[in-house]
PDB file of N, CA and C in Angstrom:
ATOM      1  N   MET A   1      23.192 -27.097   4.047  1.00  0.00           N
ATOM      2  CA  MET A   1      22.860 -26.436   5.284  1.00  0.00           C
ATOM      3  C   MET A   1      23.542 -25.029   5.339  1.00  0.00           C
ATOM      4  N   ALA A   2      24.821 -24.964   4.954  1.00  0.00           N
ATOM      5  CA  ALA A   2      25.527 -23.680   4.939  1.00  0.00           C
ATOM      6  C   ALA A   2      24.902 -22.719   3.926  1.00  0.00           C
ATOM      7  N   ARG A   3      24.391 -23.263   2.864  1.00  0.00           N
ATOM      8  CA  ARG A   3      23.732 -22.464   1.798  1.00  0.00           C
ATOM      9  C   ARG A   3      22.493 -21.777   2.413  1.00  0.00           C
ATOM     10  N   THR A   4      21.723 -22.502   3.183  1.00  0.00           N
ATOM     11  CA  THR A   4      20.541 -21.970   3.837  1.00  0.00           C
ATOM     12  C   THR A   4      20.903 -20.877   4.827  1.00  0.00           C
ATOM     13  N   GLU A   5      21.964 -21.115   5.600  1.00  0.00           N
ATOM     14  CA  GLU A   5      22.410 -20.097   6.555  1.00  0.00           C
ATOM     15  C   GLU A   5      22.884 -18.833   5.833  1.00  0.00           C
ATOM     16  N   LEU A   6      23.565 -18.979   4.713  1.00  0.00           N
ATOM     17  CA  LEU A   6      24.024 -17.831   3.961  1.00  0.00           C
ATOM     18  C   LEU A   6      22.824 -17.063   3.392  1.00  0.00           C
ATOM     19  N   ALA A   7      21.807 -17.771   2.936  1.00  0.00           N
ATOM     20  CA  ALA A   7      20.631 -17.140   2.372  1.00  0.00           C
ATOM     21  C   ALA A   7      19.943 -16.324   3.470  1.00  0.00           C
ATOM     22  N   ILE A   8      19.831 -16.918   4.641  1.00  0.00           N
ATOM     23  CA  ILE A   8      19.139 -16.207   5.763  1.00  0.00           C
ATOM     24  C   ILE A   8      19.970 -14.992   6.170  1.00  0.00           C
ATOM     25  N   LEU A   9      21.300 -15.122   6.200  1.00  0.00           N
ATOM     26  CA  LEU A   9      22.175 -13.956   6.524  1.00  0.00           C
ATOM     27  C   LEU A   9      22.010 -12.913   5.475  1.00  0.00           C
ATOM     28  N   ALA A  10      22.019 -13.246   4.235  1.00  0.00           N
ATOM     29  CA  ALA A  10      21.865 -12.237   3.133  1.00  0.00           C
ATOM     30  C   ALA A  10      20.530 -11.573   3.263  1.00  0.00           C
ATOM     31  N   LEU A  11      19.432 -12.326   3.478  1.00  0.00           N
ATOM     32  CA  LEU A  11      18.112 -11.725   3.598  1.00  0.00           C
ATOM     33  C   LEU A  11      18.018 -10.829   4.796  1.00  0.00           C
ATOM     34  N   SER A  12      18.584 -11.218   5.934  1.00  0.00           N
ATOM     35  CA  SER A  12      18.579 -10.393   7.139  1.00  0.00           C
ATOM     36  C   SER A  12      19.345  -9.091   6.889  1.00  0.00           C
ATOM     37  N   SER A  13      20.476  -9.186   6.224  1.00  0.00           N
ATOM     38  CA  SER A  13      21.252  -7.985   5.911  1.00  0.00           C
ATOM     39  C   SER A  13      20.498  -7.056   5.006  1.00  0.00           C
ATOM     40  N   MET A  14      19.795  -7.639   4.033  1.00  0.00           N
ATOM     41  CA  MET A  14      19.001  -6.819   3.110  1.00  0.00           C
ATOM     42  C   MET A  14      17.884  -6.076   3.846  1.00  0.00           C
ATOM     43  N   PHE A  15      17.204  -6.782   4.761  1.00  0.00           N
ATOM     44  CA  PHE A  15      16.099  -6.173   5.532  1.00  0.00           C
ATOM     45  C   PHE A  15      16.680  -5.087   6.417  1.00  0.00           C
ATOM     46  N   THR A  16      17.832  -5.296   6.999  1.00  0.00           N
ATOM     47  CA  THR A  16      18.443  -4.255   7.855  1.00  0.00           C
ATOM     48  C   THR A  16      18.706  -2.978   7.052  1.00  0.00           C
ATOM     49  N   LEU A  17      19.228  -3.155   5.840  1.00  0.00           N
ATOM     50  CA  LEU A  17      19.483  -1.993   4.974  1.00  0.00           C
ATOM     51  C   LEU A  17      18.180  -1.311   4.567  1.00  0.00           C
ATOM     52  N   LEU A  18      17.197  -2.138   4.206  1.00  0.00           N
ATOM     53  CA  LEU A  18      15.923  -1.589   3.724  1.00  0.00           C
ATOM     54  C   LEU A  18      15.179  -0.804   4.795  1.00  0.00           C
ATOM     55  N   PHE A  19      15.202  -1.285   6.039  1.00  0.00           N
ATOM     56  CA  PHE A  19      14.419  -0.675   7.051  1.00  0.00           C
ATOM     57  C   PHE A  19      15.175   0.352   7.883  1.00  0.00           C
ATOM     58  N   THR A  20      16.411   0.632   7.503  1.00  0.00           N
ATOM     59  CA  THR A  20      17.198   1.700   8.167  1.00  0.00           C
ATOM     60  C   THR A  20      16.869   3.021   7.533  1.00  0.00           C
ATOM     61  N   ALA A  21      16.518   4.019   8.331  1.00  0.00           N
ATOM     62  CA  ALA A  21      16.215   5.339   7.799  1.00  0.00           C
ATOM     63  C   ALA A  21      17.447   5.948   7.153  1.00  0.00           C
ATOM     64  N   VAL A  22      17.256   6.574   6.001  1.00  0.00           N
ATOM     65  CA  VAL A  22      18.312   7.167   5.241  1.00  0.00           C
ATOM     66  C   VAL A  22      18.270   8.677   5.306  1.00  0.00           C
ATOM     67  N   ASN A  23      19.386   9.328   5.606  1.00  0.00           N
ATOM     68  CA  ASN A  23      19.515  10.759   5.659  1.00  0.00           C
ATOM     69  C   ASN A  23      18.458  11.377   6.617  1.00  0.00           C
ATOM     70  N   GLY A  24      18.213  10.772   7.730  1.00  0.00           N
ATOM     71  CA  GLY A  24      17.300  11.337   8.683  1.00  0.00           C
ATOM     72  C   GLY A  24      15.840  11.221   8.347  1.00  0.00           C
ATOM     73  N   GLN A  25      15.490  10.520   7.250  1.00  0.00           N
ATOM     74  CA  GLN A  25      14.113  10.345   6.899  1.00  0.00           C
ATOM     75  C   GLN A  25      13.470   9.376   7.825  1.00  0.00           C
ATOM     76  N   GLU A  26      12.173   9.626   8.161  1.00  0.00           N
ATOM     77  CA  GLU A  26      11.485   8.724   9.064  1.00  0.00           C
ATOM     78  C   GLU A  26      11.133   7.417   8.354  1.00  0.00           C
ATOM     79  N   THR A  27      10.892   7.469   7.086  1.00  0.00           N
ATOM     80  CA  THR A  27      10.492   6.314   6.302  1.00  0.00           C
ATOM     81  C   THR A  27      11.653   5.913   5.431  1.00  0.00           C
ATOM     82  N   PRO A  28      12.072   4.632   5.396  1.00  0.00           N
ATOM     83  CA  PRO A  28      13.150   4.205   4.548  1.00  0.00           C
ATOM     84  C   PRO A  28      12.826   4.451   3.046  1.00  0.00           C
ATOM     85  N   VAL A  29      13.894   4.552   2.260  1.00  0.00           N
ATOM     86  CA  VAL A  29      13.714   4.736   0.831  1.00  0.00           C
ATOM     87  C   VAL A  29      12.860   3.520   0.334  1.00  0.00           C
ATOM     88  N   GLY A  30      11.796   3.813  -0.409  1.00  0.00           N
ATOM     89  CA  GLY A  30      10.902   2.751  -0.853  1.00  0.00           C
ATOM     90  C   GLY A  30       9.914   2.333   0.220  1.00  0.00           C
ATOM     91  N   GLY A  31      10.037   2.928   1.400  1.00  0.00           N
ATOM     92  CA  GLY A  31       9.190   2.488   2.479  1.00  0.00           C
ATOM     93  C   GLY A  31       7.783   3.063   2.323  1.00  0.00           C
ATOM     94  N   ILE A  32       6.829   2.333   2.902  1.00  0.00           N
ATOM     95  CA  ILE A  32       5.436   2.740   2.871  1.00  0.00           C
ATOM     96  C   ILE A  32       5.120   3.262   4.234  1.00  0.00           C
ATOM     97  N   SER A  33       4.953   4.606   4.330  1.00  0.00           N
ATOM     98  CA  SER A  33       4.834   5.235   5.645  1.00  0.00           C
ATOM     99  C   SER A  33       3.582   4.845   6.399  1.00  0.00           C
ATOM    100  N   ASP A  34       2.528   4.480   5.696  1.00  0.00           N
ATOM    101  CA  ASP A  34       1.237   4.133   6.362  1.00  0.00           C
ATOM    102  C   ASP A  34       0.983   2.614   6.272  1.00  0.00           C
ATOM    103  N   ALA A  35       2.027   1.816   6.417  1.00  0.00           N
ATOM    104  CA  ALA A  35       1.854   0.370   6.207  1.00  0.00           C
ATOM    105  C   ALA A  35       0.811  -0.249   7.123  1.00  0.00           C
ATOM    106  N   THR A  36       0.673   0.273   8.355  1.00  0.00           N
ATOM    107  CA  THR A  36      -0.277  -0.313   9.278  1.00  0.00           C
ATOM    108  C   THR A  36      -1.721  -0.040   8.907  1.00  0.00           C
ATOM    109  N   THR A  37      -1.933   0.990   8.077  1.00  0.00           N
ATOM    110  CA  THR A  37      -3.302   1.309   7.714  1.00  0.00           C
ATOM    111  C   THR A  37      -3.572   1.092   6.224  1.00  0.00           C
ATOM    112  N   ASP A  38      -2.581   0.741   5.446  1.00  0.00           N
ATOM    113  CA  ASP A  38      -2.723   0.549   3.984  1.00  0.00           C
ATOM    114  C   ASP A  38      -3.386  -0.831   3.770  1.00  0.00           C
ATOM    115  N   GLN A  39      -4.568  -0.845   3.246  1.00  0.00           N
ATOM    116  CA  GLN A  39      -5.326  -2.077   3.066  1.00  0.00           C
ATOM    117  C   GLN A  39      -4.582  -3.051   2.158  1.00  0.00           C
ATOM    118  N   GLY A  40      -4.004  -2.559   1.073  1.00  0.00           N
ATOM    119  CA  GLY A  40      -3.258  -3.414   0.146  1.00  0.00           C
ATOM    120  C   GLY A  40      -2.082  -4.090   0.793  1.00  0.00           C
ATOM    121  N   VAL A  41      -1.350  -3.337   1.631  1.00  0.00           N
ATOM    122  CA  VAL A  41      -0.201  -3.900   2.366  1.00  0.00           C
ATOM    123  C   VAL A  41      -0.643  -4.948   3.343  1.00  0.00           C
ATOM    124  N   GLN A  42      -1.741  -4.687   4.045  1.00  0.00           N
ATOM    125  CA  GLN A  42      -2.258  -5.652   5.013  1.00  0.00           C
ATOM    126  C   GLN A  42      -2.700  -6.926   4.339  1.00  0.00           C
ATOM    127  N   GLU A  43      -3.332  -6.760   3.147  1.00  0.00           N
ATOM    128  CA  GLU A  43      -3.757  -7.965   2.405  1.00  0.00           C
ATOM    129  C   GLU A  43      -2.558  -8.820   1.980  1.00  0.00           C
ATOM    130  N   LEU A  44      -1.469  -8.150   1.595  1.00  0.00           N
ATOM    131  CA  LEU A  44      -0.227  -8.889   1.205  1.00  0.00           C
ATOM    132  C   LEU A  44       0.311  -9.626   2.451  1.00  0.00           C
ATOM    133  N   GLY A  45       0.272  -9.000   3.585  1.00  0.00           N
ATOM    134  CA  GLY A  45       0.723  -9.662   4.823  1.00  0.00           C
ATOM    135  C   GLY A  45      -0.085 -10.884   5.142  1.00  0.00           C
ATOM    136  N   LYS A  46      -1.401 -10.754   4.977  1.00  0.00           N
ATOM    137  CA  LYS A  46      -2.311 -11.879   5.244  1.00  0.00           C
ATOM    138  C   LYS A  46      -2.015 -13.032   4.233  1.00  0.00           C
ATOM    139  N   PHE A  47      -1.806 -12.615   2.994  1.00  0.00           N
ATOM    140  CA  PHE A  47      -1.450 -13.601   1.940  1.00  0.00           C
ATOM    141  C   PHE A  47      -0.182 -14.374   2.377  1.00  0.00           C
ATOM    142  N   ALA A  48       0.833 -13.623   2.832  1.00  0.00           N
ATOM    143  CA  ALA A  48       2.115 -14.250   3.206  1.00  0.00           C
ATOM    144  C   ALA A  48       1.934 -15.282   4.310  1.00  0.00           C
ATOM    145  N   VAL A  49       1.144 -14.932   5.363  1.00  0.00           N
ATOM    146  CA  VAL A  49       0.913 -15.845   6.431  1.00  0.00           C
ATOM    147  C   VAL A  49       0.138 -17.061   5.971  1.00  0.00           C
ATOM    148  N   ASP A  50      -0.912 -16.816   5.145  1.00  0.00           N
ATOM    149  CA  ASP A  50      -1.674 -17.938   4.610  1.00  0.00           C
ATOM    150  C   ASP A  50      -0.823 -18.881   3.780  1.00  0.00           C
ATOM    151  N   GLU A  51       0.048 -18.307   2.937  1.00  0.00           N
ATOM    152  CA  GLU A  51       0.934 -19.143   2.115  1.00  0.00           C
ATOM    153  C   GLU A  51       1.934 -19.929   2.954  1.00  0.00           C
ATOM    154  N   TYR A  52       2.416 -19.265   3.971  1.00  0.00           N
ATOM    155  CA  TYR A  52       3.314 -19.968   4.952  1.00  0.00           C
ATOM    156  C   TYR A  52       2.602 -21.178   5.566  1.00  0.00           C
ATOM    157  N   ASN A  53       1.377 -20.959   6.008  1.00  0.00           N
ATOM    158  CA  ASN A  53       0.620 -22.021   6.655  1.00  0.00           C
ATOM    159  C   ASN A  53       0.369 -23.178   5.642  1.00  0.00           C
ATOM    160  N   LYS A  54       0.061 -22.837   4.366  1.00  0.00           N
ATOM    161  CA  LYS A  54      -0.172 -23.857   3.370  1.00  0.00           C
ATOM    162  C   LYS A  54       1.111 -24.672   3.110  1.00  0.00           C
ATOM    163  N   GLN A  55       2.246 -23.961   2.948  1.00  0.00           N
ATOM    164  CA  GLN A  55       3.496 -24.609   2.625  1.00  0.00           C
ATOM    165  C   GLN A  55       4.004 -25.485   3.761  1.00  0.00           C
ATOM    166  N   LYS A  56       3.795 -25.065   4.982  1.00  0.00           N
ATOM    167  CA  LYS A  56       4.272 -25.797   6.146  1.00  0.00           C
ATOM    168  C   LYS A  56       3.285 -26.820   6.653  1.00  0.00           C
ATOM    169  N   GLY A  57       2.084 -26.828   6.129  1.00  0.00           N
ATOM    170  CA  GLY A  57       1.083 -27.798   6.581  1.00  0.00           C
ATOM    171  C   GLY A  57       0.792 -27.590   8.066  1.00  0.00           C
ATOM    172  N   THR A  58       0.543 -26.406   8.454  1.00  0.00           N
ATOM    173  CA  THR A  58       0.329 -26.067   9.880  1.00  0.00           C
ATOM    174  C   THR A  58      -1.132 -26.066  10.249  1.00  0.00           C
ATOM    175  N   GLU A  59      -1.913 -27.035   9.731  1.00  0.00           N
ATOM    176  CA  GLU A  59      -3.346 -27.039   9.978  1.00  0.00           C
ATOM    177  C   GLU A  59      -3.697 -27.033  11.477  1.00  0.00           C
ATOM    178  N   GLY A  60      -2.938 -27.787  12.241  1.00  0.00           N
ATOM    179  CA  GLY A  60      -3.226 -27.877  13.699  1.00  0.00           C
ATOM    180  C   GLY A  60      -2.811 -26.585  14.465  1.00  0.00           C
ATOM    181  N   ASN A  61      -1.710 -25.996  14.064  1.00  0.00           N
ATOM    182  CA  ASN A  61      -1.182 -24.823  14.765  1.00  0.00           C
ATOM    183  C   ASN A  61      -0.786 -23.764  13.732  1.00  0.00           C
ATOM    184  N   PRO A  62      -1.726 -23.218  13.008  1.00  0.00           N
ATOM    185  CA  PRO A  62      -1.360 -22.211  12.025  1.00  0.00           C
ATOM    186  C   PRO A  62      -0.928 -20.896  12.659  1.00  0.00           C
ATOM    187  N   LEU A  63      -0.096 -20.162  11.978  1.00  0.00           N
ATOM    188  CA  LEU A  63       0.181 -18.777  12.405  1.00  0.00           C
ATOM    189  C   LEU A  63      -1.070 -17.960  12.194  1.00  0.00           C
ATOM    190  N   GLU A  64      -1.320 -17.013  13.070  1.00  0.00           N
ATOM    191  CA  GLU A  64      -2.504 -16.134  12.902  1.00  0.00           C
ATOM    192  C   GLU A  64      -2.017 -14.714  12.661  1.00  0.00           C
ATOM    193  N   PHE A  65      -2.394 -14.224  11.432  1.00  0.00           N
ATOM    194  CA  PHE A  65      -1.962 -12.891  11.030  1.00  0.00           C
ATOM    195  C   PHE A  65      -2.504 -11.813  11.977  1.00  0.00           C
ATOM    196  N   SER A  66      -1.635 -10.919  12.389  1.00  0.00           N
ATOM    197  CA  SER A  66      -2.099  -9.751  13.203  1.00  0.00           C
ATOM    198  C   SER A  66      -2.076  -8.480  12.331  1.00  0.00           C
ATOM    199  N   GLN A  67      -0.852  -8.123  11.861  1.00  0.00           N
ATOM    200  CA  GLN A  67      -0.752  -6.908  11.035  1.00  0.00           C
ATOM    201  C   GLN A  67       0.670  -6.854  10.408  1.00  0.00           C
ATOM    202  N   VAL A  68       0.745  -6.046   9.330  1.00  0.00           N
ATOM    203  CA  VAL A  68       2.023  -5.661   8.770  1.00  0.00           C
ATOM    204  C   VAL A  68       2.454  -4.413   9.540  1.00  0.00           C
ATOM    205  N   VAL A  69       3.653  -4.423  10.131  1.00  0.00           N
ATOM    206  CA  VAL A  69       4.117  -3.283  10.887  1.00  0.00           C
ATOM    207  C   VAL A  69       5.084  -2.418  10.121  1.00  0.00           C
ATOM    208  N   GLN A  70       5.641  -2.915   9.055  1.00  0.00           N
ATOM    209  CA  GLN A  70       6.570  -2.170   8.214  1.00  0.00           C
ATOM    210  C   GLN A  70       6.602  -2.776   6.804  1.00  0.00           C
ATOM    211  N   ALA A  71       6.712  -1.902   5.850  1.00  0.00           N
ATOM    212  CA  ALA A  71       6.711  -2.373   4.466  1.00  0.00           C
ATOM    213  C   ALA A  71       7.620  -1.518   3.583  1.00  0.00           C
ATOM    214  N   THR A  72       8.262  -2.148   2.654  1.00  0.00           N
ATOM    215  CA  THR A  72       9.091  -1.499   1.652  1.00  0.00           C
ATOM    216  C   THR A  72       8.786  -2.078   0.291  1.00  0.00           C
ATOM    217  N   LYS A  73       8.634  -1.239  -0.706  1.00  0.00           N
ATOM    218  CA  LYS A  73       8.357  -1.694  -2.043  1.00  0.00           C
ATOM    219  C   LYS A  73       9.515  -1.289  -2.935  1.00  0.00           C
ATOM    220  N   LEU A  74      10.045  -2.284  -3.617  1.00  0.00           N
ATOM    221  CA  LEU A  74      11.161  -2.061  -4.553  1.00  0.00           C
ATOM    222  C   LEU A  74      10.773  -2.762  -5.839  1.00  0.00           C
ATOM    223  N   GLY A  75      10.329  -2.018  -6.823  1.00  0.00           N
ATOM    224  CA  GLY A  75       9.866  -2.591  -8.105  1.00  0.00           C
ATOM    225  C   GLY A  75       8.647  -3.447  -7.852  1.00  0.00           C
ATOM    226  N   ASP A  76       8.711  -4.698  -8.293  1.00  0.00           N
ATOM    227  CA  ASP A  76       7.581  -5.626  -8.131  1.00  0.00           C
ATOM    228  C   ASP A  76       7.622  -6.371  -6.818  1.00  0.00           C
ATOM    229  N   LYS A  77       8.664  -6.126  -6.021  1.00  0.00           N
ATOM    230  CA  LYS A  77       8.821  -6.878  -4.744  1.00  0.00           C
ATOM    231  C   LYS A  77       8.436  -6.002  -3.578  1.00  0.00           C
ATOM    232  N   ASN A  78       7.776  -6.693  -2.645  1.00  0.00           N
ATOM    233  CA  ASN A  78       7.401  -6.051  -1.377  1.00  0.00           C
ATOM    234  C   ASN A  78       8.069  -6.765  -0.249  1.00  0.00           C
ATOM    235  N   TYR A  79       8.739  -6.016   0.631  1.00  0.00           N
ATOM    236  CA  TYR A  79       9.387  -6.581   1.802  1.00  0.00           C
ATOM    237  C   TYR A  79       8.603  -6.176   3.022  1.00  0.00           C
ATOM    238  N   LEU A  80       8.059  -7.164   3.706  1.00  0.00           N
ATOM    239  CA  LEU A  80       7.127  -6.887   4.853  1.00  0.00           C
ATOM    240  C   LEU A  80       7.691  -7.388   6.145  1.00  0.00           C
ATOM    241  N   LYS A  81       7.458  -6.640   7.184  1.00  0.00           N
ATOM    242  CA  LYS A  81       7.708  -7.097   8.533  1.00  0.00           C
ATOM    243  C   LYS A  81       6.302  -7.320   9.100  1.00  0.00           C
ATOM    244  N   ILE A  82       5.993  -8.573   9.423  1.00  0.00           N
ATOM    245  CA  ILE A  82       4.666  -8.994   9.804  1.00  0.00           C
ATOM    246  C   ILE A  82       4.617  -9.428  11.260  1.00  0.00           C
ATOM    247  N   GLU A  83       3.576  -9.027  11.941  1.00  0.00           N
ATOM    248  CA  GLU A  83       3.344  -9.537  13.306  1.00  0.00           C
ATOM    249  C   GLU A  83       2.248 -10.607  13.174  1.00  0.00           C
ATOM    250  N   ALA A  84       2.545 -11.775  13.758  1.00  0.00           N
ATOM    251  CA  ALA A  84       1.615 -12.872  13.713  1.00  0.00           C
ATOM    252  C   ALA A  84       1.731 -13.660  15.027  1.00  0.00           C
ATOM    253  N   SER A  85       0.700 -14.397  15.370  1.00  0.00           N
ATOM    254  CA  SER A  85       0.682 -15.161  16.603  1.00  0.00           C
ATOM    255  C   SER A  85       0.924 -16.617  16.319  1.00  0.00           C
ATOM    256  N   ASP A  86       1.828 -17.174  17.074  1.00  0.00           N
ATOM    257  CA  ASP A  86       2.146 -18.613  16.975  1.00  0.00           C
ATOM    258  C   ASP A  86       1.793 -19.224  18.323  1.00  0.00           C
ATOM    259  N   LYS A  87       0.710 -20.006  18.321  1.00  0.00           N
ATOM    260  CA  LYS A  87       0.214 -20.593  19.590  1.00  0.00           C
ATOM    261  C   LYS A  87      -0.058 -19.521  20.658  1.00  0.00           C
ATOM    262  N   GLY A  88      -0.621 -18.376  20.184  1.00  0.00           N
ATOM    263  CA  GLY A  88      -0.949 -17.304  21.110  1.00  0.00           C
ATOM    264  C   GLY A  88       0.169 -16.317  21.452  1.00  0.00           C
ATOM    265  N   GLU A  89       1.360 -16.648  21.035  1.00  0.00           N
ATOM    266  CA  GLU A  89       2.523 -15.751  21.291  1.00  0.00           C
ATOM    267  C   GLU A  89       2.845 -14.913  20.083  1.00  0.00           C
ATOM    268  N   LYS A  90       2.817 -13.571  20.214  1.00  0.00           N
ATOM    269  CA  LYS A  90       3.110 -12.694  19.091  1.00  0.00           C
ATOM    270  C   LYS A  90       4.595 -12.779  18.713  1.00  0.00           C
ATOM    271  N   GLN A  91       4.822 -12.892  17.443  1.00  0.00           N
ATOM    272  CA  GLN A  91       6.193 -12.920  16.877  1.00  0.00           C
ATOM    273  C   GLN A  91       6.221 -12.043  15.629  1.00  0.00           C
ATOM    274  N   LYS A  92       7.449 -11.745  15.201  1.00  0.00           N
ATOM    275  CA  LYS A  92       7.624 -10.934  14.000  1.00  0.00           C
ATOM    276  C   LYS A  92       8.292 -11.817  12.935  1.00  0.00           C
ATOM    277  N   PHE A  93       7.882 -11.579  11.674  1.00  0.00           N
ATOM    278  CA  PHE A  93       8.430 -12.343  10.554  1.00  0.00           C
ATOM    279  C   PHE A  93       8.709 -11.394   9.417  1.00  0.00           C
ATOM    280  N   ASN A  94       9.722 -11.704   8.603  1.00  0.00           N
ATOM    281  CA  ASN A  94      10.073 -10.990   7.382  1.00  0.00           C
ATOM    282  C   ASN A  94       9.515 -11.816   6.219  1.00  0.00           C
ATOM    283  N   ALA A  95       8.875 -11.126   5.297  1.00  0.00           N
ATOM    284  CA  ALA A  95       8.357 -11.796   4.080  1.00  0.00           C
ATOM    285  C   ALA A  95       8.760 -11.001   2.869  1.00  0.00           C
ATOM    286  N   GLU A  96       9.048 -11.691   1.806  1.00  0.00           N
ATOM    287  CA  GLU A  96       9.289 -11.073   0.521  1.00  0.00           C
ATOM    288  C   GLU A  96       8.230 -11.592  -0.464  1.00  0.00           C
ATOM    289  N   ILE A  97       7.440 -10.661  -1.007  1.00  0.00           N
ATOM    290  CA  ILE A  97       6.324 -11.004  -1.936  1.00  0.00           C
ATOM    291  C   ILE A  97       6.604 -10.365  -3.267  1.00  0.00           C
ATOM    292  N   LEU A  98       6.482 -11.164  -4.290  1.00  0.00           N
ATOM    293  CA  LEU A  98       6.543 -10.675  -5.681  1.00  0.00           C
ATOM    294  C   LEU A  98       5.109 -10.494  -6.169  1.00  0.00           C
ATOM    295  N   VAL A  99       4.821  -9.264  -6.629  1.00  0.00           N
ATOM    296  CA  VAL A  99       3.516  -8.981  -7.248  1.00  0.00           C
ATOM    297  C   VAL A  99       3.746  -8.974  -8.768  1.00  0.00           C
ATOM    298  N   LYS A 100       3.239 -10.027  -9.431  1.00  0.00           N
ATOM    299  CA  LYS A 100       3.444 -10.164 -10.853  1.00  0.00           C
ATOM    300  C   LYS A 100       2.595  -9.227 -11.676  1.00  0.00           C
ATOM    301  N   PRO A 101       2.986  -8.899 -12.902  1.00  0.00           N
ATOM    302  CA  PRO A 101       2.205  -7.962 -13.706  1.00  0.00           C
ATOM    303  C   PRO A 101       0.763  -8.425 -13.900  1.00  0.00           C
ATOM    304  N   SER A 102       0.509  -9.718 -13.776  1.00  0.00           N
ATOM    305  CA  SER A 102      -0.857 -10.234 -13.906  1.00  0.00           C
ATOM    306  C   SER A 102      -1.684  -9.929 -12.618  1.00  0.00           C
ATOM    307  N   GLY A 103      -1.004  -9.451 -11.557  1.00  0.00           N
ATOM    308  CA  GLY A 103      -1.670  -9.239 -10.307  1.00  0.00           C
ATOM    309  C   GLY A 103      -1.561 -10.361  -9.298  1.00  0.00           C
ATOM    310  N   GLU A 104      -1.028 -11.461  -9.798  1.00  0.00           N
ATOM    311  CA  GLU A 104      -0.847 -12.641  -8.941  1.00  0.00           C
ATOM    312  C   GLU A 104       0.316 -12.438  -7.999  1.00  0.00           C
ATOM    313  N   ASN A 105       0.152 -12.862  -6.754  1.00  0.00           N
ATOM    314  CA  ASN A 105       1.203 -12.744  -5.754  1.00  0.00           C
ATOM    315  C   ASN A 105       1.954 -14.075  -5.609  1.00  0.00           C
ATOM    316  N   GLU A 106       3.281 -13.932  -5.371  1.00  0.00           N
ATOM    317  CA  GLU A 106       4.115 -15.119  -5.105  1.00  0.00           C
ATOM    318  C   GLU A 106       4.973 -14.834  -3.905  1.00  0.00           C
ATOM    319  N   MET A 107       4.911 -15.682  -2.885  1.00  0.00           N
ATOM    320  CA  MET A 107       5.779 -15.509  -1.731  1.00  0.00           C
ATOM    321  C   MET A 107       7.166 -16.077  -2.044  1.00  0.00           C
ATOM    322  N   LEU A 108       8.160 -15.225  -1.934  1.00  0.00           N
ATOM    323  CA  LEU A 108       9.562 -15.645  -2.209  1.00  0.00           C
ATOM    324  C   LEU A 108      10.284 -16.118  -0.956  1.00  0.00           C
ATOM    325  N   SER A 109       9.964 -15.525   0.148  1.00  0.00           N
ATOM    326  CA  SER A 109      10.557 -15.936   1.412  1.00  0.00           C
ATOM    327  C   SER A 109       9.703 -15.536   2.615  1.00  0.00           C
ATOM    328  N   PHE A 110       9.894 -16.269   3.708  1.00  0.00           N
ATOM    329  CA  PHE A 110       9.163 -15.978   4.929  1.00  0.00           C
ATOM    330  C   PHE A 110       9.994 -16.580   6.061  1.00  0.00           C
ATOM    331  N   ALA A 111      10.376 -15.738   6.997  1.00  0.00           N
ATOM    332  CA  ALA A 111      11.252 -16.233   8.102  1.00  0.00           C
ATOM    333  C   ALA A 111      11.013 -15.402   9.321  1.00  0.00           C
ATOM    334  N   ALA A 112      11.155 -16.062  10.494  1.00  0.00           N
ATOM    335  CA  ALA A 112      11.040 -15.395  11.793  1.00  0.00           C
ATOM    336  C   ALA A 112      12.202 -14.397  11.944  1.00  0.00           C
ATOM    337  N   THR A 113      11.952 -13.327  12.700  1.00  0.00           N
ATOM    338  CA  THR A 113      12.976 -12.366  12.990  1.00  0.00           C
ATOM    339  C   THR A 113      12.929 -12.002  14.483  1.00  0.00           C
ATOM    340  N   LYS A 114      14.026 -11.556  15.022  1.00  0.00           N
ATOM    341  CA  LYS A 114      14.026 -11.167  16.452  1.00  0.00           C
ATOM    342  C   LYS A 114      13.727  -9.705  16.624  1.00  0.00           C
ATOM    343  N   HIS A 115      13.733  -8.950  15.527  1.00  0.00           N
ATOM    344  CA  HIS A 115      13.545  -7.503  15.621  1.00  0.00           C
ATOM    345  C   HIS A 115      12.161  -7.082  15.200  1.00  0.00           C
TER     346      HIS A 115
END
């Protein structure tokens, strides 16, 4: 249990660092400034929500993808802040997606966030 809490804390800290503007820049280092309109980023966000629904078996109450509101790309990994509806209530989630050289996507993490 403590290991899970440490992983969540580490992931939250990483997202805080990634999404904090550096040296007065409006877009974080590695940030995608047009994430809300970038079709590829939006497709990754939809993939993340679909994967979450598959893994959690949420057939009766699946999350409904709205949009990616923020994205950062570091190498083959994409860190997304996703807006999705859970039973009609909009919430935000952090997702980490690995885009493999073959073009295949793998969701590494997906968790609710308060920010």
